[in-house]
Amino acid sequence: MTKGKLHLLQPPPMETQGRQVMSANHDISSHTQVGNTRRIFWALLLTGGFMLVEVAGGVISGSLALLADAAHMLIDTVALLFAWIAFRLSSRPADPAHTYGYHRFPILAAFTNGISLIFIVGWIFAEAAGRLLEPAEVLAGPMLAVAALGLAVNIIVYLVLHRADRKNLNIRGAMVHVLGDMLGSAAAISAALIIMTTGWMPIDPLLSVLVGLLVLRTAWFLLKDSAHVLLEGVPENLVPADISADLVSHIAEVKDVHHVHAWSLSQERPMLTLHARIMDGANPDSVISEIRARLAEHFDISHVTVQIEVKGCADAPVSAAG
């Protein structure tokens, strides 16, 4: 075997490997983003269209459960519209006013969706209290027909979103909304059947309260997770101490890694800054390339800022002259 052939069989430089990993991650992320956008759009059309049907059905039948679910679907339609806009905006390139681009917009939309759910639940509780004090007549037949159709539509929407990237907070927020609609439709069906068989009208607001409690619980977790990103918390799958130890143990020129700060623009885009103290005589550019490649390959972090130090940390406190 010739020397030239040996050269061809050698692995590409570490820097090239890092670029290949980052390029592959970018292609996967872009493909996922397109799929998420398309599924959100179809969910928007289905939810918005049936919302109008449910409003009419709630008015005709006099059912609070249907009207509550219609109000939920109205907010869902707006939420899905915001989610669709968020995905479209997040694909826009960075500009001088937004140097990180618009990747954080979907997180902001998810946070807004969580807040909207809490307000919806508050409205349901208030209306249910009034209905329990003064029960209203409900036409069980139309209520049952509309609720059954609503359940079918919501199941279709849920399946559409289920095939999207469920790690994405915006997709999760949309699925929480749709899940609440499914529960609302199921509650309306149950209420209609009970009213048809027993004539007991309070079941309509009571089941509305039950649905509200379930939606409130899921809204809380959505708010908590999106707020964690907005407050620049460490991504749940990253531990700064583990990253420091890994880099020191796998890159011979690195003596110490400190001041590791991790956060994320979105669920798919973790960010990292760190200080690395290197051996005397080590090539800083080469060490940075190795650090980037290691982080991209083993921690799925493609955006990192590395500060190289040879002697001491530039951020160490300076003692006052005495």
Protein backbone atom coordinates (compact mmCIF):
# COMPACT_ATOMS: atom_id res chain seq x y z
CA MET A 1 0.00 0.00 0.00
CA THR A 2 1.44 3.38 -0.99
CA LYS A 3 1.99 6.35 1.25
CA GLY A 4 -0.66 8.26 -0.69
CA LYS A 5 -3.26 5.59 -0.02
CA LEU A 6 -2.37 5.60 3.64
CA HIS A 7 -3.00 9.30 3.66
CA LEU A 8 -6.44 8.79 2.13
CA LEU A 9 -7.39 6.32 4.85
CA GLN A 10 -6.51 8.70 7.66
CA PRO A 11 -9.49 10.33 9.44
CA PRO A 12 -10.15 13.99 8.65
CA PRO A 13 -8.68 16.60 11.00
CA MET A 14 -10.56 17.21 14.26
CA GLU A 15 -11.69 20.64 13.07
CA THR A 16 -13.17 19.11 9.92
CA GLN A 17 -14.96 16.46 11.96
CA GLY A 18 -16.45 19.21 14.10
CA ARG A 19 -17.70 21.07 11.04
CA GLN A 20 -19.20 17.86 9.64
CA VAL A 21 -21.05 17.17 12.90
CA MET A 22 -22.34 20.74 13.09
CA SER A 23 -23.43 20.65 9.43
CA ALA A 24 -25.28 17.36 9.95
CA ASN A 25 -26.97 18.74 13.08
CA HIS A 26 -27.98 21.87 11.17
CA ASP A 27 -29.50 19.82 8.31
CA ILE A 28 -31.47 17.67 10.77
CA SER A 29 -32.65 20.75 12.67
CA SER A 30 -33.75 22.48 9.44
CA HIS A 31 -35.67 19.40 8.28
CA THR A 32 -37.35 19.11 11.69
CA GLN A 33 -38.24 22.81 11.61
CA VAL A 34 -39.97 22.47 8.23
CA GLY A 35 -41.94 19.44 9.46
CA ASN A 36 -42.99 21.25 12.64
CA THR A 37 -44.15 24.28 10.66
CA ARG A 38 -46.22 22.19 8.26
CA ARG A 39 -47.94 20.20 11.03
CA ILE A 40 -48.68 23.33 13.05
CA PHE A 41 -50.32 24.85 9.96
CA TRP A 42 -52.65 21.87 9.43
CA ALA A 43 -53.50 21.80 13.13
CA LEU A 44 -54.34 25.51 12.88
CA LEU A 45 -56.74 24.97 9.96
CA LEU A 46 -58.54 22.04 11.61
CA THR A 47 -58.81 23.68 15.03
CA GLY A 48 -59.93 27.07 13.75
CA GLY A 49 -62.50 25.55 11.42
CA PHE A 50 -64.14 23.37 14.03
CA MET A 51 -64.07 26.14 16.64
CA LEU A 52 -66.74 27.96 14.63
CA VAL A 53 -68.87 24.81 14.56
CA GLU A 54 -68.54 24.36 18.32
CA VAL A 55 -69.52 27.96 19.05
CA ALA A 56 -72.71 27.47 17.07
CA GLY A 57 -73.38 24.15 18.78
CA GLY A 58 -72.82 25.62 22.24
CA VAL A 59 -75.20 28.51 21.59
CA ILE A 60 -77.90 26.24 20.15
CA SER A 61 -77.67 23.62 22.89
CA GLY A 62 -76.97 26.00 25.77
CA SER A 63 -74.09 23.82 26.98
CA LEU A 64 -71.36 25.43 29.10
CA ALA A 65 -69.10 22.46 28.42
CA LEU A 66 -69.32 23.14 24.67
CA LEU A 67 -68.92 26.90 25.06
CA ALA A 68 -65.95 26.41 27.39
CA ASP A 69 -64.35 24.06 24.91
CA ALA A 70 -65.13 26.50 22.08
CA ALA A 71 -63.43 29.28 24.05
CA HIS A 72 -60.48 26.97 24.56
CA MET A 73 -60.39 26.21 20.86
CA LEU A 74 -60.51 29.93 20.06
CA ILE A 75 -57.41 30.49 22.17
CA ASP A 76 -55.93 27.33 20.67
CA THR A 77 -56.44 28.76 17.21
CA VAL A 78 -54.68 31.97 18.21
CA ALA A 79 -51.96 29.96 19.99
CA LEU A 80 -51.41 27.76 16.93
CA LEU A 81 -51.29 30.86 14.76
CA PHE A 82 -48.61 32.33 17.03
CA ALA A 83 -46.77 29.00 16.99
CA TRP A 84 -46.83 28.93 13.19
CA ILE A 85 -45.57 32.53 13.04
CA ALA A 86 -42.94 31.63 15.63
CA PHE A 87 -41.56 28.78 13.53
CA ARG A 88 -41.51 31.01 10.46
CA LEU A 89 -39.72 33.82 12.29
CA SER A 90 -37.22 31.52 13.98
CA SER A 91 -35.87 30.48 10.57
CA ARG A 92 -34.99 34.07 9.69
CA PRO A 93 -31.27 34.86 9.73
CA ALA A 94 -29.66 37.06 12.35
CA ASP A 95 -29.49 40.79 11.76
CA PRO A 96 -27.68 43.70 13.44
CA ALA A 97 -30.56 44.22 15.87
CA HIS A 98 -30.95 40.48 16.68
CA THR A 99 -27.48 38.95 16.50
CA TYR A 100 -28.75 35.55 17.71
CA GLY A 101 -31.61 35.55 15.22
CA TYR A 102 -35.20 34.77 16.21
CA HIS A 103 -34.79 31.31 17.74
CA ARG A 104 -36.16 32.47 21.10
CA PHE A 105 -39.52 33.59 19.64
CA PRO A 106 -41.10 30.09 19.78
CA ILE A 107 -40.20 29.89 23.49
CA LEU A 108 -41.89 33.23 24.08
CA ALA A 109 -44.95 31.94 22.21
CA ALA A 110 -45.00 28.79 24.36
CA PHE A 111 -44.83 30.91 27.52
CA THR A 112 -47.71 33.06 26.26
CA ASN A 113 -49.73 29.93 25.47
CA GLY A 114 -49.28 28.72 29.05
CA ILE A 115 -50.52 32.02 30.45
CA SER A 116 -53.52 31.99 28.10
CA LEU A 117 -54.47 28.51 29.35
CA ILE A 118 -54.56 29.77 32.94
CA PHE A 119 -56.93 32.58 31.98
CA ILE A 120 -59.15 30.13 30.12
CA VAL A 121 -59.37 27.91 33.20
CA GLY A 122 -60.28 30.93 35.32
CA TRP A 123 -63.14 31.78 32.96
CA ILE A 124 -64.39 28.18 33.01
CA PHE A 125 -64.39 28.13 36.82
CA ALA A 126 -66.31 31.41 37.01
CA GLU A 127 -68.94 30.27 34.52
CA ALA A 128 -69.26 26.88 36.21
CA ALA A 129 -69.90 28.54 39.59
CA GLY A 130 -72.72 30.58 38.07
CA ARG A 131 -74.26 27.51 36.41
CA LEU A 132 -74.12 25.51 39.65
CA LEU A 133 -75.97 28.28 41.50
CA GLU A 134 -78.51 28.71 38.71
CA PRO A 135 -78.68 25.57 36.50
CA ALA A 136 -79.48 26.29 32.86
CA GLU A 137 -81.41 24.11 30.41
CA VAL A 138 -79.17 22.13 28.05
CA LEU A 139 -80.25 20.43 24.79
CA ALA A 140 -78.47 17.10 25.09
CA GLY A 141 -78.99 15.93 21.47
CA PRO A 142 -77.19 18.76 19.64
CA MET A 143 -74.61 18.86 22.43
CA LEU A 144 -73.77 15.19 21.96
CA ALA A 145 -73.47 15.46 18.16
CA VAL A 146 -71.17 18.48 18.26
CA ALA A 147 -69.05 17.04 21.10
CA ALA A 148 -68.56 13.73 19.28
CA LEU A 149 -67.51 15.52 16.09
CA GLY A 150 -65.19 17.72 18.14
CA LEU A 151 -63.52 14.71 19.71
CA ALA A 152 -62.87 13.22 16.26
CA VAL A 153 -61.34 16.48 14.98
CA ASN A 154 -59.19 16.87 18.09
CA ILE A 155 -57.88 13.32 17.77
CA ILE A 156 -56.86 14.02 14.17
CA VAL A 157 -55.10 17.24 15.19
CA TYR A 158 -53.33 15.46 18.06
CA LEU A 159 -52.08 12.74 15.71
CA VAL A 160 -50.81 15.38 13.29
CA LEU A 161 -48.83 17.07 16.07
CA HIS A 162 -47.75 13.76 17.60
CA ARG A 163 -45.56 13.12 14.54
CA ALA A 164 -43.75 16.44 15.04
CA ASP A 165 -40.74 17.05 17.30
CA ARG A 166 -42.30 16.63 20.75
CA LYS A 167 -39.16 17.91 22.50
CA ASN A 168 -39.91 21.35 21.08
CA LEU A 169 -41.68 23.53 23.67
CA ASN A 170 -43.88 25.14 21.05
CA ILE A 171 -45.07 21.74 19.81
CA ARG A 172 -45.61 20.65 23.41
CA GLY A 173 -47.63 23.79 24.05
CA ALA A 174 -49.82 23.12 21.02
CA MET A 175 -50.30 19.49 22.09
CA VAL A 176 -51.32 20.60 25.58
CA HIS A 177 -53.96 22.85 24.05
CA VAL A 178 -55.26 20.05 21.84
CA LEU A 179 -55.22 17.58 24.73
CA GLY A 180 -57.34 20.01 26.70
CA ASP A 181 -59.76 20.17 23.77
CA MET A 182 -59.94 16.37 23.65
CA LEU A 183 -60.75 16.25 27.35
CA GLY A 184 -63.30 19.00 26.87
CA SER A 185 -65.02 17.10 24.08
CA ALA A 186 -64.99 13.88 26.13
CA ALA A 187 -66.46 15.75 29.10
CA ALA A 188 -69.16 17.25 26.88
CA ILE A 189 -70.03 13.81 25.52
CA SER A 190 -70.30 12.41 29.06
CA ALA A 191 -72.39 15.36 30.20
CA ALA A 192 -74.72 15.02 27.22
CA LEU A 193 -75.25 11.32 27.88
CA ILE A 194 -75.96 11.91 31.58
CA ILE A 195 -78.40 14.71 30.79
CA MET A 196 -80.16 12.54 28.19
CA THR A 197 -80.56 9.64 30.66
CA THR A 198 -81.12 11.46 33.99
CA GLY A 199 -81.92 15.08 33.20
CA TRP A 200 -79.37 16.23 35.80
CA MET A 201 -78.16 19.62 34.47
CA PRO A 202 -75.35 20.37 37.02
CA ILE A 203 -73.19 17.67 35.39
CA ASP A 204 -72.40 20.13 32.57
CA PRO A 205 -70.55 22.72 34.73
CA LEU A 206 -69.10 20.04 37.03
CA LEU A 207 -67.32 18.28 34.16
CA SER A 208 -66.15 21.66 32.88
CA VAL A 209 -64.39 22.21 36.22
CA LEU A 210 -62.74 18.78 35.98
CA VAL A 211 -61.38 19.55 32.53
CA GLY A 212 -60.17 22.94 33.79
CA LEU A 213 -58.16 21.30 36.59
CA LEU A 214 -56.45 18.92 34.17
CA VAL A 215 -55.57 21.73 31.78
CA LEU A 216 -54.30 23.87 34.67
CA ARG A 217 -51.81 21.18 35.69
CA THR A 218 -50.37 20.80 32.20
CA ALA A 219 -50.27 24.59 31.74
CA TRP A 220 -48.13 24.89 34.86
CA PHE A 221 -45.47 22.53 33.50
CA LEU A 222 -45.49 24.32 30.16
CA LEU A 223 -44.95 27.66 31.91
CA LYS A 224 -42.20 26.23 34.09
CA ASP A 225 -40.23 24.76 31.19
CA SER A 226 -40.54 27.79 28.92
CA ALA A 227 -39.67 30.16 31.78
CA HIS A 228 -36.54 28.09 32.44
CA VAL A 229 -35.37 28.77 28.88
CA LEU A 230 -36.32 32.46 29.02
CA LEU A 231 -34.40 32.82 32.30
CA GLU A 232 -31.39 31.21 30.60
CA GLY A 233 -31.34 28.15 32.84
CA VAL A 234 -28.97 25.26 32.13
CA PRO A 235 -30.50 22.77 29.63
CA GLU A 236 -31.72 19.73 31.52
CA ASN A 237 -29.41 17.31 29.69
CA LEU A 238 -26.24 19.31 30.42
CA VAL A 239 -24.17 19.44 33.62
CA PRO A 240 -21.40 22.09 33.53
CA ALA A 241 -19.18 20.10 35.93
CA ASP A 242 -19.41 17.04 33.68
CA ILE A 243 -18.46 19.11 30.64
CA SER A 244 -15.39 20.49 32.42
CA ALA A 245 -14.25 17.03 33.51
CA ASP A 246 -14.82 15.55 30.05
CA LEU A 247 -12.76 18.19 28.24
CA VAL A 248 -9.86 17.91 30.70
CA SER A 249 -9.80 14.11 30.45
CA HIS A 250 -10.05 13.90 26.64
CA ILE A 251 -7.92 16.84 25.44
CA ALA A 252 -4.32 16.48 26.55
CA GLU A 253 -3.41 20.17 26.14
CA VAL A 254 -6.22 21.32 28.47
CA LYS A 255 -5.19 21.59 32.14
CA ASP A 256 -8.39 23.09 33.53
CA VAL A 257 -11.84 24.21 32.43
CA HIS A 258 -13.84 26.70 34.50
CA HIS A 259 -16.42 29.48 34.24
CA VAL A 260 -18.69 27.15 32.25
CA HIS A 261 -21.99 28.83 31.48
CA ALA A 262 -24.71 26.90 29.62
CA TRP A 263 -28.10 28.12 28.42
CA SER A 264 -30.24 27.73 25.31
CA LEU A 265 -31.85 29.85 22.63
CA SER A 266 -34.43 27.09 22.15
CA GLN A 267 -34.79 23.40 22.91
CA GLU A 268 -32.67 22.54 19.86
CA ARG A 269 -29.96 25.19 20.28
CA PRO A 270 -27.89 24.95 23.48
CA MET A 271 -25.20 27.59 24.01
CA LEU A 272 -21.97 27.46 26.01
CA THR A 273 -19.14 29.71 27.12
CA LEU A 274 -16.07 28.53 29.04
CA HIS A 275 -12.52 29.33 30.06
CA ALA A 276 -9.83 26.74 29.25
CA ARG A 277 -6.32 26.87 30.75
CA ILE A 278 -3.88 25.12 28.43
CA MET A 279 -0.36 23.71 28.64
CA ASP A 280 2.63 25.94 27.90
CA GLY A 281 3.49 25.74 24.22
CA ALA A 282 0.07 24.42 23.16
CA ASN A 283 -1.46 25.93 20.04
CA PRO A 284 -4.57 27.90 21.13
CA ASP A 285 -6.31 27.59 17.75
CA SER A 286 -5.80 23.83 17.70
CA VAL A 287 -7.12 23.47 21.26
CA ILE A 288 -10.21 25.55 20.44
CA SER A 289 -10.91 23.33 17.42
CA GLU A 290 -10.61 20.20 19.56
CA ILE A 291 -12.91 21.64 22.22
CA ARG A 292 -15.53 22.58 19.63
CA ALA A 293 -15.39 19.16 17.99
CA ARG A 294 -15.68 17.36 21.35
CA LEU A 295 -18.65 19.47 22.43
CA ALA A 296 -20.42 19.03 19.08
CA GLU A 297 -19.92 15.27 18.97
CA HIS A 298 -20.58 14.29 22.58
CA PHE A 299 -22.83 17.07 23.94
CA ASP A 300 -24.59 18.25 20.76
CA ILE A 301 -23.42 21.82 21.36
CA SER A 302 -22.52 23.60 18.13
CA HIS A 303 -22.32 27.18 19.42
CA VAL A 304 -19.57 27.68 22.00
CA THR A 305 -17.29 30.57 22.95
CA VAL A 306 -13.91 29.52 24.35
CA GLN A 307 -11.55 31.82 26.23
CA ILE A 308 -8.02 30.42 26.26
CA GLU A 309 -5.77 31.06 29.27
CA VAL A 310 -2.10 30.16 29.71
CA LYS A 311 -1.14 31.50 33.13
CA GLY A 312 -4.12 32.45 35.28
CA CYS A 313 -7.77 33.34 34.88
CA ALA A 314 -8.30 36.90 33.69
CA ASP A 315 -11.49 37.08 35.75
CA ALA A 316 -9.80 36.13 39.02
CA PRO A 317 -10.25 38.78 41.72
CA VAL A 318 -7.26 41.05 42.19
CA SER A 319 -6.23 41.51 45.81
CA ALA A 320 -5.94 45.11 46.98
CA ALA A 321 -2.44 46.41 47.56
CA GLY A 322 -1.72 46.62 51.24
